[in-house]
Amino acid sequence: CRAVVREKGDRGKLYVEFVDFGTKDWVERDKVRQVPVEWLSLPSLAVKLELGIELGDGMDEEIVGEKVWESLAREERMLVRVEQLVDIGKLMGHLVEFDTLELAYQELVMKGFITVVSPTCDTRGV
């Protein structure tokens, strides 16, 4: 995995950003190797996904965030359903269950913790 070292920690650990996944983590220094120089010019394969959801009325952002994370962690495999290209490298859409194509957090929608937001279509110049 390609990664950029962001911070040096104690006990031989490095805080790295995995450029092709968009995640960050602490790793053992002896697991890190210099990549071939030609790999440095390759663009990141990760894209940002803005979930098309909003907090339900009167809901606490921190609590709902934990519930969304828990619902995503239960899924073994998910797909991304892209609704809109927001910017280069940034999409708006939803995470859906691999087998059913249902929203991975559908239960939270049904319970009112979150609502699904439809992206606005920019029709200028169409």
C-alpha atoms as a PDB file:
ATOM      1  CA  CYS A   1       0.000   0.000   0.000  1.00  0.00           C
ATOM      2  CA  ARG A   2       1.265   3.478  -0.796  1.00  0.00           C
ATOM      3  CA  ALA A   3       1.410   5.760   2.216  1.00  0.00           C
ATOM      4  CA  VAL A   4       2.791   9.133   3.228  1.00  0.00           C
ATOM      5  CA  VAL A   5       4.411   9.446   6.656  1.00  0.00           C
ATOM      6  CA  ARG A   6       2.608  12.221   8.534  1.00  0.00           C
ATOM      7  CA  GLU A   7       4.122  11.867  12.011  1.00  0.00           C
ATOM      8  CA  LYS A   8       6.830   9.952  13.858  1.00  0.00           C
ATOM      9  CA  GLY A   9       5.735   8.452  17.140  1.00  0.00           C
ATOM     10  CA  ASP A  10       7.521   6.719  19.950  1.00  0.00           C
ATOM     11  CA  ARG A  11       8.448   3.024  20.046  1.00  0.00           C
ATOM     12  CA  GLY A  12       9.182   2.840  16.331  1.00  0.00           C
ATOM     13  CA  LYS A  13       5.697   3.768  15.128  1.00  0.00           C
ATOM     14  CA  LEU A  14       4.804   6.041  12.223  1.00  0.00           C
ATOM     15  CA  TYR A  15       1.473   7.730  11.561  1.00  0.00           C
ATOM     16  CA  VAL A  16       0.790   7.271   7.849  1.00  0.00           C
ATOM     17  CA  GLU A  17      -1.887   8.259   5.368  1.00  0.00           C
ATOM     18  CA  PHE A  18      -2.719   5.516   2.882  1.00  0.00           C
ATOM     19  CA  VAL A  19      -3.089   7.556  -0.294  1.00  0.00           C
ATOM     20  CA  ASP A  20      -4.998   4.905  -2.231  1.00  0.00           C
ATOM     21  CA  PHE A  21      -7.516   4.265   0.544  1.00  0.00           C
ATOM     22  CA  GLY A  22      -7.871   7.682   2.169  1.00  0.00           C
ATOM     23  CA  THR A  23      -7.332   6.272   5.671  1.00  0.00           C
ATOM     24  CA  LYS A  24      -4.700   6.986   8.329  1.00  0.00           C
ATOM     25  CA  ASP A  25      -3.173   4.724  10.949  1.00  0.00           C
ATOM     26  CA  TRP A  26      -0.150   4.060  13.143  1.00  0.00           C
ATOM     27  CA  VAL A  27       2.142   1.366  11.721  1.00  0.00           C
ATOM     28  CA  GLU A  28       5.378  -0.282  12.791  1.00  0.00           C
ATOM     29  CA  ARG A  29       8.408   1.452  11.295  1.00  0.00           C
ATOM     30  CA  ASP A  30       9.840  -1.868  10.066  1.00  0.00           C
ATOM     31  CA  LYS A  31       6.708  -2.374   7.894  1.00  0.00           C
ATOM     32  CA  VAL A  32       7.427   0.806   5.895  1.00  0.00           C
ATOM     33  CA  ARG A  33       9.511   0.731   2.707  1.00  0.00           C
ATOM     34  CA  GLN A  34      10.503   3.347   0.144  1.00  0.00           C
ATOM     35  CA  VAL A  35       8.385   2.969  -2.997  1.00  0.00           C
ATOM     36  CA  PRO A  36       9.918   3.094  -6.466  1.00  0.00           C
ATOM     37  CA  VAL A  37      10.358   6.709  -7.583  1.00  0.00           C
ATOM     38  CA  GLU A  38       8.005   6.231 -10.569  1.00  0.00           C
ATOM     39  CA  TRP A  39       5.148   5.465  -8.127  1.00  0.00           C
ATOM     40  CA  LEU A  40       5.430   8.942  -6.605  1.00  0.00           C
ATOM     41  CA  SER A  41       3.833  10.591  -9.634  1.00  0.00           C
ATOM     42  CA  LEU A  42       0.798   8.265  -9.698  1.00  0.00           C
ATOM     43  CA  PRO A  43      -2.426   9.982  -8.583  1.00  0.00           C
ATOM     44  CA  SER A  44      -4.260   8.834  -5.500  1.00  0.00           C
ATOM     45  CA  LEU A  45      -6.842   6.130  -6.150  1.00  0.00           C
ATOM     46  CA  ALA A  46      -8.977   7.206  -3.199  1.00  0.00           C
ATOM     47  CA  VAL A  47     -11.961   9.496  -3.655  1.00  0.00           C
ATOM     48  CA  LYS A  48     -13.943  11.244  -0.960  1.00  0.00           C
ATOM     49  CA  LEU A  49     -17.551  10.175  -0.584  1.00  0.00           C
ATOM     50  CA  GLU A  50     -19.951  12.616   1.006  1.00  0.00           C
ATOM     51  CA  LEU A  51     -22.872  10.589   2.301  1.00  0.00           C
ATOM     52  CA  GLY A  52     -26.206  11.988   1.170  1.00  0.00           C
ATOM     53  CA  ILE A  53     -27.646  12.039   4.675  1.00  0.00           C
ATOM     54  CA  GLU A  54     -28.558  14.640   7.285  1.00  0.00           C
ATOM     55  CA  LEU A  55     -29.324  14.473  10.983  1.00  0.00           C
ATOM     56  CA  GLY A  56     -32.913  13.757  11.888  1.00  0.00           C
ATOM     57  CA  ASP A  57     -34.817  16.449  13.788  1.00  0.00           C
ATOM     58  CA  GLY A  58     -33.458  16.948  17.304  1.00  0.00           C
ATOM     59  CA  MET A  59     -30.751  14.312  16.940  1.00  0.00           C
ATOM     60  CA  ASP A  60     -27.277  14.641  18.468  1.00  0.00           C
ATOM     61  CA  GLU A  61     -24.521  14.597  15.825  1.00  0.00           C
ATOM     62  CA  GLU A  62     -22.041  12.632  17.928  1.00  0.00           C
ATOM     63  CA  ILE A  63     -24.530   9.918  18.878  1.00  0.00           C
ATOM     64  CA  VAL A  64     -25.840   9.575  15.322  1.00  0.00           C
ATOM     65  CA  GLY A  65     -22.281   9.496  13.968  1.00  0.00           C
ATOM     66  CA  GLU A  66     -21.506   6.545  16.247  1.00  0.00           C
ATOM     67  CA  LYS A  67     -24.692   4.765  15.148  1.00  0.00           C
ATOM     68  CA  VAL A  68     -23.867   5.281  11.463  1.00  0.00           C
ATOM     69  CA  TRP A  69     -20.348   3.960  12.058  1.00  0.00           C
ATOM     70  CA  GLU A  70     -21.734   0.898  13.904  1.00  0.00           C
ATOM     71  CA  SER A  71     -24.155   0.141  11.071  1.00  0.00           C
ATOM     72  CA  LEU A  72     -21.327   0.368   8.508  1.00  0.00           C
ATOM     73  CA  ALA A  73     -19.022  -1.827  10.588  1.00  0.00           C
ATOM     74  CA  ARG A  74     -21.607  -4.634  10.559  1.00  0.00           C
ATOM     75  CA  GLU A  75     -21.469  -4.931   6.775  1.00  0.00           C
ATOM     76  CA  GLU A  76     -18.890  -7.290   5.317  1.00  0.00           C
ATOM     77  CA  ARG A  77     -19.114  -5.936   1.788  1.00  0.00           C
ATOM     78  CA  MET A  78     -20.593  -2.690   0.506  1.00  0.00           C
ATOM     79  CA  LEU A  79     -20.882  -0.837  -2.751  1.00  0.00           C
ATOM     80  CA  VAL A  80     -20.883   2.893  -3.411  1.00  0.00           C
ATOM     81  CA  ARG A  81     -23.944   4.266  -5.188  1.00  0.00           C
ATOM     82  CA  VAL A  82     -22.808   7.537  -6.750  1.00  0.00           C
ATOM     83  CA  GLU A  83     -25.484  10.226  -6.915  1.00  0.00           C
ATOM     84  CA  GLN A  84     -23.406  13.221  -7.954  1.00  0.00           C
ATOM     85  CA  LEU A  85     -19.875  14.302  -8.804  1.00  0.00           C
ATOM     86  CA  VAL A  86     -19.340  17.152  -6.339  1.00  0.00           C
ATOM     87  CA  ASP A  87     -15.781  18.043  -7.313  1.00  0.00           C
ATOM     88  CA  ILE A  88     -12.725  16.331  -8.728  1.00  0.00           C
ATOM     89  CA  GLY A  89     -12.033  13.415  -6.409  1.00  0.00           C
ATOM     90  CA  LYS A  90     -15.210  13.984  -4.371  1.00  0.00           C
ATOM     91  CA  LEU A  91     -18.522  12.208  -4.835  1.00  0.00           C
ATOM     92  CA  MET A  92     -21.915  12.379  -3.147  1.00  0.00           C
ATOM     93  CA  GLY A  93     -23.764   9.140  -2.739  1.00  0.00           C
ATOM     94  CA  HIS A  94     -24.555   6.248  -0.460  1.00  0.00           C
ATOM     95  CA  LEU A  95     -23.030   3.069   0.847  1.00  0.00           C
ATOM     96  CA  VAL A  96     -25.288   0.147   0.004  1.00  0.00           C
ATOM     97  CA  GLU A  97     -25.317  -3.496   1.043  1.00  0.00           C
ATOM     98  CA  PHE A  98     -23.613  -5.704  -1.515  1.00  0.00           C
ATOM     99  CA  ASP A  99     -26.358  -8.323  -1.791  1.00  0.00           C
ATOM    100  CA  THR A 100     -29.532  -6.237  -1.462  1.00  0.00           C
ATOM    101  CA  LEU A 101     -28.435  -2.767  -2.650  1.00  0.00           C
ATOM    102  CA  GLU A 102     -30.305  -1.345   0.374  1.00  0.00           C
ATOM    103  CA  LEU A 103     -28.742   1.589   2.189  1.00  0.00           C
ATOM    104  CA  ALA A 104     -26.218   0.255   4.692  1.00  0.00           C
ATOM    105  CA  TYR A 105     -27.814   2.590   7.259  1.00  0.00           C
ATOM    106  CA  GLN A 106     -31.460   2.072   6.225  1.00  0.00           C
ATOM    107  CA  GLU A 107     -32.486   1.120   9.767  1.00  0.00           C
ATOM    108  CA  LEU A 108     -31.285   4.524  11.026  1.00  0.00           C
ATOM    109  CA  VAL A 109     -33.366   6.244   8.331  1.00  0.00           C
ATOM    110  CA  MET A 110     -36.440   4.258   9.367  1.00  0.00           C
ATOM    111  CA  LYS A 111     -35.912   5.172  13.042  1.00  0.00           C
ATOM    112  CA  GLY A 112     -35.541   8.885  12.207  1.00  0.00           C
ATOM    113  CA  PHE A 113     -31.908   9.240  13.259  1.00  0.00           C
ATOM    114  CA  ILE A 114     -30.987  10.427   9.750  1.00  0.00           C
ATOM    115  CA  THR A 115     -32.747  11.508   6.573  1.00  0.00           C
ATOM    116  CA  VAL A 116     -31.666  10.865   2.995  1.00  0.00           C
ATOM    117  CA  VAL A 117     -30.766  13.959   0.985  1.00  0.00           C
ATOM    118  CA  SER A 118     -31.193  14.058  -2.768  1.00  0.00           C
ATOM    119  CA  PRO A 119     -28.381  15.901  -4.519  1.00  0.00           C
ATOM    120  CA  THR A 120     -29.347  19.060  -6.322  1.00  0.00           C
ATOM    121  CA  CYS A 121     -28.883  18.978 -10.048  1.00  0.00           C
ATOM    122  CA  ASP A 122     -27.015  21.878 -11.610  1.00  0.00           C
ATOM    123  CA  THR A 123     -28.750  22.462 -14.914  1.00  0.00           C
ATOM    124  CA  ARG A 124     -26.844  25.595 -15.906  1.00  0.00           C
ATOM    125  CA  GLY A 125     -25.692  25.368 -19.468  1.00  0.00           C
ATOM    126  CA  VAL A 126     -27.806  22.306 -20.242  1.00  0.00           C
END
